[in-house]
N, C-alpha and C. Protein backbone atom coordinates (compact mmCIF):
# COMPACT_ATOMS: atom_id res chain seq x y z
N MET A 1 45.49 -1.52 0.89
CA MET A 1 44.82 -0.26 0.57
C MET A 1 43.88 -0.42 -0.62
N ASN A 2 44.34 -1.11 -1.65
CA ASN A 2 43.50 -1.33 -2.82
C ASN A 2 42.27 -2.15 -2.48
N LYS A 3 42.49 -3.15 -1.59
CA LYS A 3 41.36 -3.99 -1.19
C LYS A 3 40.32 -3.17 -0.43
N LEU A 4 40.81 -2.27 0.47
CA LEU A 4 39.88 -1.42 1.21
C LEU A 4 39.12 -0.49 0.27
N PHE A 5 39.81 0.03 -0.72
CA PHE A 5 39.17 0.92 -1.68
C PHE A 5 38.08 0.20 -2.46
N VAL A 6 38.38 -1.04 -2.89
CA VAL A 6 37.39 -1.84 -3.61
C VAL A 6 36.20 -2.15 -2.72
N PHE A 7 36.47 -2.50 -1.46
CA PHE A 7 35.39 -2.85 -0.52
C PHE A 7 34.45 -1.67 -0.30
N PHE A 8 35.03 -0.49 0.00
CA PHE A 8 34.19 0.67 0.27
C PHE A 8 33.46 1.16 -0.99
N SER A 9 34.11 0.97 -2.13
CA SER A 9 33.44 1.33 -3.39
C SER A 9 32.24 0.43 -3.62
N PHE A 10 32.41 -0.87 -3.34
CA PHE A 10 31.32 -1.84 -3.50
C PHE A 10 30.17 -1.51 -2.55
N MET A 11 30.51 -1.19 -1.28
CA MET A 11 29.48 -0.87 -0.30
C MET A 11 28.73 0.40 -0.69
N SER A 12 29.44 1.37 -1.22
CA SER A 12 28.82 2.61 -1.64
C SER A 12 27.86 2.38 -2.79
N LEU A 13 28.26 1.57 -3.76
CA LEU A 13 27.40 1.27 -4.90
C LEU A 13 26.17 0.48 -4.48
N THR A 14 26.37 -0.48 -3.56
CA THR A 14 25.27 -1.31 -3.07
C THR A 14 24.24 -0.46 -2.32
N THR A 15 24.75 0.42 -1.44
CA THR A 15 23.86 1.30 -0.68
C THR A 15 23.09 2.23 -1.59
N SER A 16 23.81 2.78 -2.59
CA SER A 16 23.17 3.68 -3.55
C SER A 16 22.08 2.97 -4.34
N SER A 17 22.37 1.75 -4.78
CA SER A 17 21.40 0.97 -5.55
C SER A 17 20.18 0.63 -4.70
N PHE A 18 20.42 0.24 -3.43
CA PHE A 18 19.32 -0.08 -2.53
C PHE A 18 18.43 1.14 -2.31
N SER A 19 19.09 2.30 -2.11
CA SER A 19 18.35 3.53 -1.86
C SER A 19 17.51 3.93 -3.06
N GLN A 20 18.04 3.73 -4.26
CA GLN A 20 17.31 4.09 -5.46
C GLN A 20 16.06 3.23 -5.66
N ASN A 21 16.11 1.99 -5.20
CA ASN A 21 14.97 1.08 -5.36
C ASN A 21 13.95 1.17 -4.24
N LEU A 22 14.27 1.93 -3.19
CA LEU A 22 13.40 2.03 -2.02
C LEU A 22 12.67 3.37 -2.03
N THR A 23 11.34 3.33 -1.96
CA THR A 23 10.54 4.55 -1.89
C THR A 23 9.60 4.51 -0.69
N PHE A 24 9.26 5.68 -0.21
CA PHE A 24 8.34 5.83 0.91
C PHE A 24 7.18 6.71 0.48
N GLY A 25 6.06 6.57 1.17
CA GLY A 25 4.92 7.39 0.82
C GLY A 25 3.86 7.39 1.90
N ILE A 26 2.83 8.19 1.68
CA ILE A 26 1.67 8.24 2.57
C ILE A 26 0.44 7.89 1.75
N LYS A 27 -0.57 7.35 2.41
CA LYS A 27 -1.80 7.01 1.70
C LYS A 27 -2.97 6.99 2.67
N GLY A 28 -4.15 7.15 2.12
CA GLY A 28 -5.36 7.08 2.92
C GLY A 28 -6.55 6.83 2.01
N GLY A 29 -7.64 6.37 2.60
CA GLY A 29 -8.80 6.08 1.78
C GLY A 29 -10.08 5.99 2.57
N LEU A 30 -11.20 6.07 1.84
CA LEU A 30 -12.54 5.95 2.42
C LEU A 30 -13.33 4.93 1.61
N GLY A 31 -14.32 4.32 2.26
CA GLY A 31 -15.14 3.34 1.55
C GLY A 31 -16.22 2.76 2.44
N ASP A 32 -16.58 1.51 2.16
CA ASP A 32 -17.66 0.83 2.86
C ASP A 32 -17.10 -0.32 3.70
N ALA A 33 -17.74 -0.59 4.83
CA ALA A 33 -17.32 -1.69 5.71
C ALA A 33 -18.53 -2.53 6.10
N TRP A 34 -18.29 -3.83 6.29
CA TRP A 34 -19.34 -4.70 6.80
C TRP A 34 -18.72 -5.93 7.45
N ILE A 35 -19.49 -6.57 8.32
CA ILE A 35 -19.08 -7.83 8.94
C ILE A 35 -19.96 -8.93 8.34
N GLY A 36 -19.33 -9.96 7.82
CA GLY A 36 -20.05 -11.07 7.22
C GLY A 36 -19.74 -12.38 7.92
N HIS A 37 -20.41 -13.45 7.49
CA HIS A 37 -20.15 -14.76 8.08
C HIS A 37 -19.99 -15.79 6.97
N GLY A 38 -19.29 -16.87 7.28
CA GLY A 38 -19.08 -17.93 6.30
C GLY A 38 -18.00 -17.56 5.29
N ILE A 39 -17.62 -18.53 4.47
CA ILE A 39 -16.51 -18.32 3.55
C ILE A 39 -16.86 -17.34 2.44
N PHE A 40 -18.16 -17.07 2.24
CA PHE A 40 -18.56 -16.11 1.20
C PHE A 40 -18.93 -14.75 1.80
N ASN A 41 -18.64 -14.57 3.11
CA ASN A 41 -18.90 -13.29 3.77
C ASN A 41 -20.31 -12.77 3.55
N LYS A 42 -21.27 -13.64 3.74
CA LYS A 42 -22.67 -13.24 3.62
C LYS A 42 -23.03 -12.27 4.75
N PRO A 43 -24.11 -11.49 4.58
CA PRO A 43 -24.56 -10.62 5.69
C PRO A 43 -24.86 -11.46 6.92
N LEU A 44 -24.80 -10.83 8.08
CA LEU A 44 -25.10 -11.55 9.31
C LEU A 44 -26.50 -12.15 9.22
N PRO A 45 -26.67 -13.41 9.64
CA PRO A 45 -27.94 -14.12 9.43
C PRO A 45 -29.15 -13.43 10.03
N MET A 46 -28.97 -12.72 11.15
CA MET A 46 -30.12 -12.06 11.77
C MET A 46 -30.49 -10.75 11.07
N TYR A 47 -29.59 -10.30 10.15
CA TYR A 47 -29.83 -9.03 9.46
C TYR A 47 -29.78 -9.18 7.95
N ASP A 48 -30.10 -10.34 7.43
CA ASP A 48 -30.01 -10.58 5.99
C ASP A 48 -30.70 -9.48 5.19
N ASN A 49 -29.95 -8.99 4.18
CA ASN A 49 -30.47 -7.99 3.22
C ASN A 49 -30.87 -6.67 3.87
N LYS A 50 -30.35 -6.37 5.06
CA LYS A 50 -30.68 -5.11 5.72
C LYS A 50 -29.43 -4.27 5.99
N LYS A 51 -28.34 -4.57 5.30
CA LYS A 51 -27.11 -3.83 5.51
C LYS A 51 -27.24 -2.39 5.02
N ILE A 52 -26.62 -1.48 5.77
CA ILE A 52 -26.58 -0.07 5.42
C ILE A 52 -25.11 0.35 5.29
N PHE A 53 -24.84 1.30 4.42
CA PHE A 53 -23.48 1.79 4.22
C PHE A 53 -22.88 2.29 5.54
N LEU A 54 -21.65 1.86 5.82
CA LEU A 54 -20.89 2.36 6.97
C LEU A 54 -19.56 2.88 6.47
N LEU A 55 -19.26 4.13 6.76
CA LEU A 55 -18.03 4.74 6.29
C LEU A 55 -16.82 4.08 6.95
N ALA A 56 -15.96 3.48 6.12
CA ALA A 56 -14.70 2.91 6.58
C ALA A 56 -13.57 3.85 6.19
N TYR A 57 -12.48 3.78 6.93
CA TYR A 57 -11.35 4.64 6.61
C TYR A 57 -10.05 3.88 6.83
N SER A 58 -8.99 4.38 6.24
CA SER A 58 -7.65 3.84 6.46
C SER A 58 -6.65 4.93 6.12
N ALA A 59 -5.63 5.12 6.95
CA ALA A 59 -4.64 6.16 6.70
C ALA A 59 -3.31 5.77 7.33
N GLY A 60 -2.22 6.10 6.65
CA GLY A 60 -0.90 5.78 7.18
C GLY A 60 0.18 5.97 6.14
N GLY A 61 1.21 5.13 6.23
CA GLY A 61 2.34 5.25 5.32
C GLY A 61 2.78 3.90 4.80
N TYR A 62 3.71 3.93 3.83
CA TYR A 62 4.19 2.68 3.24
C TYR A 62 5.65 2.82 2.82
N ALA A 63 6.29 1.67 2.66
CA ALA A 63 7.64 1.58 2.10
C ALA A 63 7.60 0.53 1.00
N ASN A 64 8.20 0.85 -0.14
CA ASN A 64 8.16 -0.04 -1.30
C ASN A 64 9.57 -0.27 -1.81
N TYR A 65 9.93 -1.54 -1.98
CA TYR A 65 11.23 -1.87 -2.56
C TYR A 65 11.00 -2.56 -3.91
N SER A 66 11.54 -1.96 -4.96
CA SER A 66 11.26 -2.41 -6.31
C SER A 66 12.36 -3.32 -6.86
N PHE A 67 11.91 -4.38 -7.57
CA PHE A 67 12.81 -5.25 -8.31
C PHE A 67 12.54 -5.11 -9.81
N GLY A 68 12.03 -3.98 -10.21
CA GLY A 68 11.60 -3.79 -11.59
C GLY A 68 10.09 -3.66 -11.61
N LYS A 69 9.43 -4.53 -12.39
CA LYS A 69 7.97 -4.51 -12.42
C LYS A 69 7.36 -5.08 -11.15
N ILE A 70 8.12 -5.90 -10.45
CA ILE A 70 7.64 -6.52 -9.21
C ILE A 70 8.27 -5.81 -8.03
N SER A 71 7.48 -5.57 -6.99
CA SER A 71 8.01 -4.92 -5.79
C SER A 71 7.32 -5.48 -4.56
N LEU A 72 7.96 -5.29 -3.42
CA LEU A 72 7.39 -5.66 -2.13
C LEU A 72 7.04 -4.37 -1.39
N GLN A 73 5.87 -4.36 -0.78
CA GLN A 73 5.41 -3.14 -0.11
C GLN A 73 4.89 -3.47 1.28
N SER A 74 5.42 -2.78 2.27
CA SER A 74 4.92 -2.90 3.64
C SER A 74 4.24 -1.61 4.03
N GLU A 75 3.20 -1.70 4.85
CA GLU A 75 2.42 -0.53 5.22
C GLU A 75 2.11 -0.52 6.71
N LEU A 76 1.87 0.65 7.23
CA LEU A 76 1.37 0.84 8.59
C LEU A 76 0.15 1.74 8.49
N LEU A 77 -1.04 1.18 8.80
CA LEU A 77 -2.30 1.89 8.59
C LEU A 77 -3.16 1.87 9.85
N PHE A 78 -3.82 2.97 10.11
CA PHE A 78 -4.85 3.02 11.13
C PHE A 78 -6.19 2.93 10.42
N SER A 79 -7.00 1.94 10.77
CA SER A 79 -8.20 1.63 9.99
C SER A 79 -9.44 1.52 10.86
N GLY A 80 -10.54 2.02 10.31
CA GLY A 80 -11.84 1.89 10.94
C GLY A 80 -12.70 0.91 10.16
N LYS A 81 -13.18 -0.12 10.83
CA LYS A 81 -13.99 -1.16 10.19
C LYS A 81 -15.28 -1.33 10.99
N GLY A 82 -16.07 -2.34 10.67
CA GLY A 82 -17.29 -2.59 11.42
C GLY A 82 -18.47 -2.91 10.53
N THR A 83 -19.67 -2.56 10.98
CA THR A 83 -20.86 -2.88 10.20
C THR A 83 -22.03 -2.03 10.68
N ARG A 84 -23.02 -1.83 9.79
CA ARG A 84 -24.25 -1.13 10.15
C ARG A 84 -25.42 -1.84 9.49
N TYR A 85 -26.46 -2.12 10.28
CA TYR A 85 -27.64 -2.81 9.77
C TYR A 85 -28.92 -2.11 10.23
N ARG A 86 -29.96 -2.29 9.45
CA ARG A 86 -31.30 -1.84 9.84
C ARG A 86 -31.94 -2.98 10.62
N VAL A 87 -32.44 -2.69 11.80
CA VAL A 87 -32.98 -3.74 12.67
C VAL A 87 -34.37 -3.35 13.17
N GLU A 88 -35.14 -4.34 13.57
CA GLU A 88 -36.45 -4.11 14.19
C GLU A 88 -36.30 -4.25 15.71
N PHE A 89 -36.67 -3.21 16.43
CA PHE A 89 -36.59 -3.23 17.88
C PHE A 89 -37.91 -3.74 18.46
N THR A 90 -37.79 -4.51 19.53
CA THR A 90 -38.98 -5.09 20.19
C THR A 90 -38.94 -4.78 21.68
N ASP A 91 -40.11 -4.88 22.32
CA ASP A 91 -40.17 -4.67 23.77
C ASP A 91 -39.98 -5.99 24.49
N ALA A 92 -40.20 -5.99 25.80
CA ALA A 92 -39.98 -7.19 26.62
C ALA A 92 -40.91 -8.33 26.23
N ASN A 93 -42.05 -8.00 25.62
CA ASN A 93 -43.00 -9.02 25.20
C ASN A 93 -42.83 -9.40 23.73
N ASN A 94 -41.73 -8.94 23.16
CA ASN A 94 -41.39 -9.24 21.76
C ASN A 94 -42.33 -8.57 20.77
N ASN A 95 -42.96 -7.49 21.20
CA ASN A 95 -43.79 -6.71 20.28
C ASN A 95 -42.90 -5.73 19.52
N THR A 96 -43.11 -5.62 18.22
CA THR A 96 -42.29 -4.74 17.40
C THR A 96 -42.56 -3.28 17.71
N LEU A 97 -41.51 -2.54 18.01
CA LEU A 97 -41.62 -1.12 18.32
C LEU A 97 -41.37 -0.25 17.09
N GLY A 98 -40.58 -0.78 16.19
CA GLY A 98 -40.24 -0.01 15.00
C GLY A 98 -38.85 -0.38 14.51
N THR A 99 -38.42 0.33 13.47
CA THR A 99 -37.13 0.04 12.85
C THR A 99 -36.10 1.10 13.21
N GLY A 100 -34.90 0.65 13.46
CA GLY A 100 -33.79 1.55 13.76
C GLY A 100 -32.50 1.03 13.14
N THR A 101 -31.38 1.53 13.63
CA THR A 101 -30.09 1.10 13.11
C THR A 101 -29.19 0.58 14.22
N SER A 102 -28.37 -0.38 13.87
CA SER A 102 -27.38 -0.96 14.78
C SER A 102 -26.01 -0.80 14.13
N THR A 103 -25.08 -0.13 14.82
CA THR A 103 -23.78 0.18 14.24
C THR A 103 -22.65 -0.29 15.16
N SER A 104 -21.74 -1.05 14.62
CA SER A 104 -20.53 -1.46 15.33
C SER A 104 -19.32 -0.88 14.62
N ILE A 105 -18.49 -0.14 15.35
CA ILE A 105 -17.28 0.45 14.79
C ILE A 105 -16.07 -0.16 15.50
N LEU A 106 -15.19 -0.76 14.71
CA LEU A 106 -14.01 -1.44 15.24
C LEU A 106 -12.76 -0.81 14.63
N ASN A 107 -11.84 -0.38 15.49
CA ASN A 107 -10.62 0.29 15.03
C ASN A 107 -9.41 -0.63 15.17
N TYR A 108 -8.54 -0.61 14.15
CA TYR A 108 -7.38 -1.50 14.11
C TYR A 108 -6.13 -0.75 13.66
N VAL A 109 -4.99 -1.30 14.03
CA VAL A 109 -3.72 -0.97 13.38
C VAL A 109 -3.41 -2.13 12.44
N ASP A 110 -3.33 -1.84 11.14
CA ASP A 110 -3.07 -2.85 10.12
C ASP A 110 -1.60 -2.78 9.68
N LEU A 111 -1.03 -3.96 9.40
CA LEU A 111 0.36 -4.06 8.96
C LEU A 111 0.44 -4.90 7.68
N PRO A 112 -0.08 -4.38 6.56
CA PRO A 112 -0.08 -5.16 5.31
C PRO A 112 1.33 -5.41 4.77
N LEU A 113 1.52 -6.59 4.20
CA LEU A 113 2.73 -6.92 3.44
C LEU A 113 2.25 -7.40 2.08
N LEU A 114 2.58 -6.64 1.03
CA LEU A 114 1.99 -6.86 -0.29
C LEU A 114 3.05 -7.14 -1.35
N ALA A 115 2.65 -7.96 -2.31
CA ALA A 115 3.42 -8.11 -3.54
C ALA A 115 2.72 -7.26 -4.60
N LYS A 116 3.48 -6.39 -5.24
CA LYS A 116 2.91 -5.46 -6.22
C LYS A 116 3.51 -5.74 -7.59
N TRP A 117 2.64 -5.75 -8.60
CA TRP A 117 3.10 -5.96 -9.97
C TRP A 117 2.65 -4.79 -10.83
N ASP A 118 3.62 -4.05 -11.37
CA ASP A 118 3.34 -2.94 -12.27
C ASP A 118 3.32 -3.45 -13.71
N PHE A 119 2.40 -2.95 -14.49
CA PHE A 119 2.30 -3.38 -15.89
C PHE A 119 3.45 -2.85 -16.73
N SER A 120 4.11 -1.78 -16.26
CA SER A 120 5.28 -1.26 -16.96
C SER A 120 6.19 -0.59 -15.92
N GLU A 121 7.38 -0.20 -16.34
CA GLU A 121 8.31 0.48 -15.45
C GLU A 121 8.29 1.99 -15.68
N ASN A 122 7.28 2.49 -16.39
CA ASN A 122 7.14 3.92 -16.61
C ASN A 122 6.64 4.60 -15.34
N GLU A 123 6.75 5.93 -15.30
CA GLU A 123 6.28 6.68 -14.14
C GLU A 123 4.77 6.57 -13.98
N THR A 124 4.07 6.42 -15.09
CA THR A 124 2.62 6.21 -15.06
C THR A 124 2.32 4.79 -15.50
N SER A 125 1.74 4.00 -14.60
CA SER A 125 1.51 2.59 -14.90
C SER A 125 0.40 2.02 -14.04
N PRO A 126 -0.49 1.19 -14.59
CA PRO A 126 -1.45 0.45 -13.76
C PRO A 126 -0.73 -0.66 -12.99
N PHE A 127 -1.34 -1.08 -11.90
CA PHE A 127 -0.72 -2.13 -11.08
C PHE A 127 -1.80 -2.94 -10.38
N VAL A 128 -1.40 -4.11 -9.88
CA VAL A 128 -2.24 -4.94 -9.02
C VAL A 128 -1.41 -5.37 -7.82
N THR A 129 -2.06 -5.62 -6.70
CA THR A 129 -1.37 -6.11 -5.52
C THR A 129 -2.14 -7.27 -4.90
N ILE A 130 -1.41 -8.08 -4.15
CA ILE A 130 -2.00 -9.16 -3.37
C ILE A 130 -1.13 -9.35 -2.14
N GLY A 131 -1.76 -9.66 -1.01
CA GLY A 131 -0.95 -9.84 0.19
C GLY A 131 -1.78 -10.16 1.42
N LEU A 132 -1.10 -10.17 2.55
CA LEU A 132 -1.72 -10.45 3.84
C LEU A 132 -1.52 -9.27 4.78
N SER A 133 -2.43 -9.15 5.75
CA SER A 133 -2.36 -8.04 6.68
C SER A 133 -2.74 -8.48 8.09
N PRO A 134 -1.76 -8.64 8.99
CA PRO A 134 -2.11 -8.83 10.39
C PRO A 134 -2.61 -7.51 10.97
N SER A 135 -3.58 -7.61 11.88
CA SER A 135 -4.19 -6.40 12.47
C SER A 135 -4.26 -6.55 13.98
N VAL A 136 -4.16 -5.40 14.66
CA VAL A 136 -4.28 -5.36 16.12
C VAL A 136 -5.47 -4.48 16.48
N PHE A 137 -6.40 -5.02 17.25
CA PHE A 137 -7.59 -4.28 17.66
C PHE A 137 -7.22 -3.24 18.71
N ILE A 138 -7.64 -1.96 18.50
CA ILE A 138 -7.26 -0.90 19.43
C ILE A 138 -8.48 -0.20 20.06
N GLY A 139 -9.68 -0.69 19.78
CA GLY A 139 -10.85 -0.10 20.42
C GLY A 139 -12.02 0.05 19.45
N GLY A 140 -13.18 0.33 20.01
CA GLY A 140 -14.35 0.50 19.18
C GLY A 140 -15.56 0.86 20.01
N ASN A 141 -16.70 1.02 19.35
CA ASN A 141 -17.93 1.31 20.06
C ASN A 141 -19.13 0.76 19.31
N TYR A 142 -20.21 0.61 20.05
CA TYR A 142 -21.47 0.12 19.49
C TYR A 142 -22.53 1.19 19.69
N LYS A 143 -23.33 1.45 18.64
CA LYS A 143 -24.40 2.43 18.71
C LYS A 143 -25.70 1.81 18.24
N ALA A 144 -26.78 2.16 18.89
CA ALA A 144 -28.12 1.77 18.44
C ALA A 144 -29.00 3.00 18.45
N LYS A 145 -29.82 3.16 17.42
CA LYS A 145 -30.69 4.33 17.32
C LYS A 145 -32.07 3.90 16.89
N PHE A 146 -33.07 4.35 17.63
CA PHE A 146 -34.46 4.05 17.31
C PHE A 146 -35.30 5.28 17.62
N ALA A 147 -36.00 5.79 16.60
CA ALA A 147 -36.82 7.00 16.74
C ALA A 147 -35.95 8.11 17.34
N SER A 148 -36.37 8.67 18.48
CA SER A 148 -35.60 9.74 19.11
C SER A 148 -34.64 9.23 20.18
N SER A 149 -34.62 7.91 20.35
CA SER A 149 -33.77 7.32 21.38
C SER A 149 -32.50 6.72 20.77
N SER A 150 -31.42 6.76 21.54
CA SER A 150 -30.17 6.16 21.09
C SER A 150 -29.30 5.85 22.30
N PHE A 151 -28.42 4.90 22.15
CA PHE A 151 -27.44 4.64 23.20
C PHE A 151 -26.14 4.17 22.55
N LYS A 152 -25.07 4.30 23.31
CA LYS A 152 -23.74 4.00 22.81
C LYS A 152 -22.88 3.48 23.95
N TYR A 153 -22.06 2.48 23.66
CA TYR A 153 -21.11 2.02 24.67
C TYR A 153 -19.84 1.50 23.98
N LYS A 154 -18.77 1.47 24.74
CA LYS A 154 -17.49 1.00 24.20
C LYS A 154 -17.49 -0.51 24.04
N VAL A 155 -16.86 -0.97 22.98
CA VAL A 155 -16.69 -2.40 22.78
C VAL A 155 -15.54 -2.87 23.67
N GLN A 156 -15.81 -3.82 24.54
CA GLN A 156 -14.80 -4.33 25.45
C GLN A 156 -13.76 -5.16 24.68
N SER A 157 -12.49 -4.97 25.04
CA SER A 157 -11.41 -5.70 24.35
C SER A 157 -11.56 -7.20 24.51
N SER A 158 -12.21 -7.65 25.59
CA SER A 158 -12.39 -9.08 25.81
C SER A 158 -13.41 -9.70 24.85
N SER A 159 -14.22 -8.85 24.20
CA SER A 159 -15.25 -9.36 23.30
C SER A 159 -14.78 -9.44 21.85
N ILE A 160 -13.57 -8.96 21.56
CA ILE A 160 -13.00 -8.97 20.21
C ILE A 160 -11.61 -9.58 20.27
N ASN A 161 -11.28 -10.44 19.31
CA ASN A 161 -9.93 -10.98 19.25
C ASN A 161 -8.92 -9.85 19.05
N ALA A 162 -7.85 -9.89 19.84
CA ALA A 162 -6.85 -8.82 19.78
C ALA A 162 -6.14 -8.79 18.43
N PHE A 163 -5.94 -9.98 17.83
CA PHE A 163 -5.24 -10.07 16.55
C PHE A 163 -6.18 -10.65 15.49
N ASN A 164 -6.01 -10.15 14.28
CA ASN A 164 -6.84 -10.60 13.17
C ASN A 164 -5.97 -10.64 11.91
N MET A 165 -6.21 -11.63 11.06
CA MET A 165 -5.46 -11.75 9.80
C MET A 165 -6.40 -11.57 8.62
N SER A 166 -5.95 -10.78 7.64
CA SER A 166 -6.78 -10.50 6.47
C SER A 166 -5.97 -10.71 5.19
N TYR A 167 -6.69 -10.85 4.08
CA TYR A 167 -6.03 -10.84 2.77
C TYR A 167 -6.44 -9.57 2.04
N ILE A 168 -5.59 -9.13 1.13
CA ILE A 168 -5.82 -7.89 0.40
C ILE A 168 -5.69 -8.13 -1.09
N LEU A 169 -6.64 -7.60 -1.85
CA LEU A 169 -6.58 -7.59 -3.31
C LEU A 169 -6.84 -6.16 -3.76
N SER A 170 -6.02 -5.66 -4.68
CA SER A 170 -6.25 -4.29 -5.12
C SER A 170 -5.75 -4.09 -6.55
N ALA A 171 -6.24 -3.01 -7.15
CA ALA A 171 -5.78 -2.58 -8.47
C ALA A 171 -5.73 -1.07 -8.45
N GLY A 172 -4.79 -0.50 -9.19
CA GLY A 172 -4.67 0.95 -9.16
C GLY A 172 -3.81 1.49 -10.27
N LEU A 173 -3.45 2.75 -10.08
CA LEU A 173 -2.67 3.46 -11.10
C LEU A 173 -1.65 4.36 -10.42
N ASP A 174 -0.38 4.17 -10.77
CA ASP A 174 0.68 5.10 -10.36
C ASP A 174 0.74 6.21 -11.39
N ILE A 175 0.65 7.45 -10.94
CA ILE A 175 0.76 8.61 -11.83
C ILE A 175 1.89 9.48 -11.30
N LYS A 176 3.11 9.19 -11.76
CA LYS A 176 4.31 9.87 -11.27
C LYS A 176 4.41 9.70 -9.75
N LYS A 177 4.23 10.78 -8.98
CA LYS A 177 4.37 10.67 -7.53
C LYS A 177 3.07 10.30 -6.82
N TYR A 178 1.98 10.14 -7.58
CA TYR A 178 0.68 9.92 -6.97
C TYR A 178 0.17 8.50 -7.23
N VAL A 179 -0.69 8.03 -6.34
CA VAL A 179 -1.24 6.67 -6.43
C VAL A 179 -2.75 6.72 -6.24
N ILE A 180 -3.48 6.06 -7.12
CA ILE A 180 -4.92 5.84 -6.97
C ILE A 180 -5.14 4.34 -6.90
N GLU A 181 -5.89 3.88 -5.90
CA GLU A 181 -6.01 2.43 -5.68
C GLU A 181 -7.41 2.08 -5.19
N LEU A 182 -7.98 1.02 -5.75
CA LEU A 182 -9.22 0.44 -5.26
C LEU A 182 -8.86 -0.85 -4.55
N ARG A 183 -9.15 -0.94 -3.25
CA ARG A 183 -8.66 -2.06 -2.42
C ARG A 183 -9.79 -2.76 -1.68
N TYR A 184 -9.75 -4.10 -1.75
CA TYR A 184 -10.65 -4.93 -0.94
C TYR A 184 -9.82 -5.65 0.12
N THR A 185 -10.28 -5.60 1.36
CA THR A 185 -9.64 -6.30 2.46
C THR A 185 -10.68 -7.19 3.15
N GLY A 186 -10.38 -8.47 3.28
CA GLY A 186 -11.29 -9.40 3.94
C GLY A 186 -10.55 -10.24 4.96
N SER A 187 -11.06 -10.30 6.18
CA SER A 187 -10.37 -11.08 7.20
C SER A 187 -10.58 -12.57 6.98
N ILE A 188 -9.58 -13.34 7.34
CA ILE A 188 -9.63 -14.80 7.21
C ILE A 188 -9.62 -15.48 8.57
N SER A 189 -9.60 -14.68 9.64
CA SER A 189 -9.71 -15.24 10.99
C SER A 189 -10.89 -14.59 11.69
N ASN A 190 -11.53 -15.34 12.56
CA ASN A 190 -12.73 -14.90 13.26
C ASN A 190 -12.42 -13.68 14.12
N ILE A 191 -13.26 -12.65 14.04
CA ILE A 191 -12.99 -11.45 14.83
C ILE A 191 -13.46 -11.59 16.28
N PHE A 192 -14.35 -12.58 16.56
CA PHE A 192 -14.83 -12.79 17.91
C PHE A 192 -14.16 -14.00 18.55
N PRO A 193 -13.88 -13.96 19.84
CA PRO A 193 -13.35 -15.15 20.53
C PRO A 193 -14.34 -16.30 20.44
N SER A 194 -13.83 -17.51 20.27
CA SER A 194 -14.70 -18.68 20.09
C SER A 194 -15.50 -19.01 21.34
N SER A 195 -15.12 -18.44 22.49
CA SER A 195 -15.82 -18.74 23.73
C SER A 195 -17.14 -17.99 23.85
N LYS A 196 -17.38 -16.98 22.97
CA LYS A 196 -18.60 -16.19 23.08
C LYS A 196 -19.82 -17.01 22.67
N THR A 197 -20.91 -16.85 23.44
CA THR A 197 -22.11 -17.65 23.19
C THR A 197 -22.78 -17.29 21.87
N TYR A 198 -22.58 -16.05 21.38
CA TYR A 198 -23.22 -15.66 20.12
C TYR A 198 -22.42 -16.13 18.92
N ASN A 199 -21.32 -16.85 19.18
CA ASN A 199 -20.44 -17.24 18.08
C ASN A 199 -20.91 -18.54 17.42
N LEU A 200 -22.13 -18.50 16.84
CA LEU A 200 -22.64 -19.66 16.11
C LEU A 200 -22.01 -19.73 14.72
N TYR A 201 -21.46 -18.62 14.27
CA TYR A 201 -20.81 -18.55 12.97
C TYR A 201 -19.43 -17.94 13.17
N HIS A 202 -18.62 -18.01 12.11
CA HIS A 202 -17.37 -17.24 12.10
C HIS A 202 -17.68 -15.90 11.45
N TYR A 203 -17.20 -14.83 12.05
CA TYR A 203 -17.50 -13.49 11.58
C TYR A 203 -16.22 -12.84 11.05
N TYR A 204 -16.36 -12.11 9.92
CA TYR A 204 -15.20 -11.56 9.24
C TYR A 204 -15.40 -10.08 8.89
N ASN A 205 -14.35 -9.28 9.12
CA ASN A 205 -14.36 -7.89 8.67
C ASN A 205 -14.16 -7.81 7.16
N ASN A 206 -14.81 -6.84 6.54
CA ASN A 206 -14.64 -6.58 5.10
C ASN A 206 -14.63 -5.08 4.87
N THR A 207 -13.77 -4.61 3.99
CA THR A 207 -13.80 -3.21 3.57
C THR A 207 -13.49 -3.11 2.08
N ILE A 208 -14.10 -2.15 1.43
CA ILE A 208 -13.75 -1.74 0.08
C ILE A 208 -13.43 -0.26 0.14
N LEU A 209 -12.20 0.10 -0.22
CA LEU A 209 -11.74 1.48 -0.09
C LEU A 209 -11.22 2.03 -1.40
N LEU A 210 -11.48 3.31 -1.63
CA LEU A 210 -10.80 4.05 -2.69
C LEU A 210 -9.70 4.84 -2.01
N MET A 211 -8.45 4.52 -2.34
CA MET A 211 -7.31 5.10 -1.64
C MET A 211 -6.52 6.03 -2.56
N LEU A 212 -5.97 7.08 -1.96
CA LEU A 212 -5.09 8.02 -2.64
C LEU A 212 -3.78 8.08 -1.88
N GLY A 213 -2.68 8.15 -2.60
CA GLY A 213 -1.38 8.20 -1.95
C GLY A 213 -0.42 9.12 -2.69
N ARG A 214 0.70 9.41 -2.01
CA ARG A 214 1.74 10.23 -2.61
C ARG A 214 3.11 9.74 -2.16
N LYS A 215 4.00 9.57 -3.11
CA LYS A 215 5.37 9.20 -2.80
C LYS A 215 6.10 10.42 -2.25
N ILE A 216 6.85 10.23 -1.16
CA ILE A 216 7.58 11.34 -0.57
C ILE A 216 9.09 11.16 -0.68
N LYS A 217 9.51 10.01 -1.24
CA LYS A 217 10.93 9.79 -1.51
C LYS A 217 11.07 8.77 -2.63
């Protein structure tokens, strides 16, 4: 009987301690997105220096387990990525018709796993994170606009790799139950299948987001 009492007491304390160190929350953010090539994520070679702002988004939830100043954080996010460039449209004879925009929007489910370091254990503290994020492509579309003309079509799943791996670097501030974070995400695997004829380079998704979050437990 004493042994059972000790065992259940130990289990109760362990569960309580685990629960106290585990928090959940929601977060979302907006920012800029672009597709680059090469290890320095330069603009696409055919559109050098013609990039235009494209609204990127990310929204979902997270779970954080704290070991003090260091914690592990897993997230589930729905994210919009892609790129927008200013392009010159030409006719069949390669005569320039004028300038328009080319927009690719790619949607993913991201599963970041991050290491987080808080500068203090106070309720209000700056922090930095680093980690990796596998992503699953769930759809997208391509738009082109020139003068009064435009067209749009869905991006075929066969033209984009279903899985993508990215790294994440961020810095932010915990303010009691709230979180403010500036996050950069850059893919480290090619977003296009290597069999595609246009794949003369490796292409990578990039986003910079300002994110806001709230702890709910």
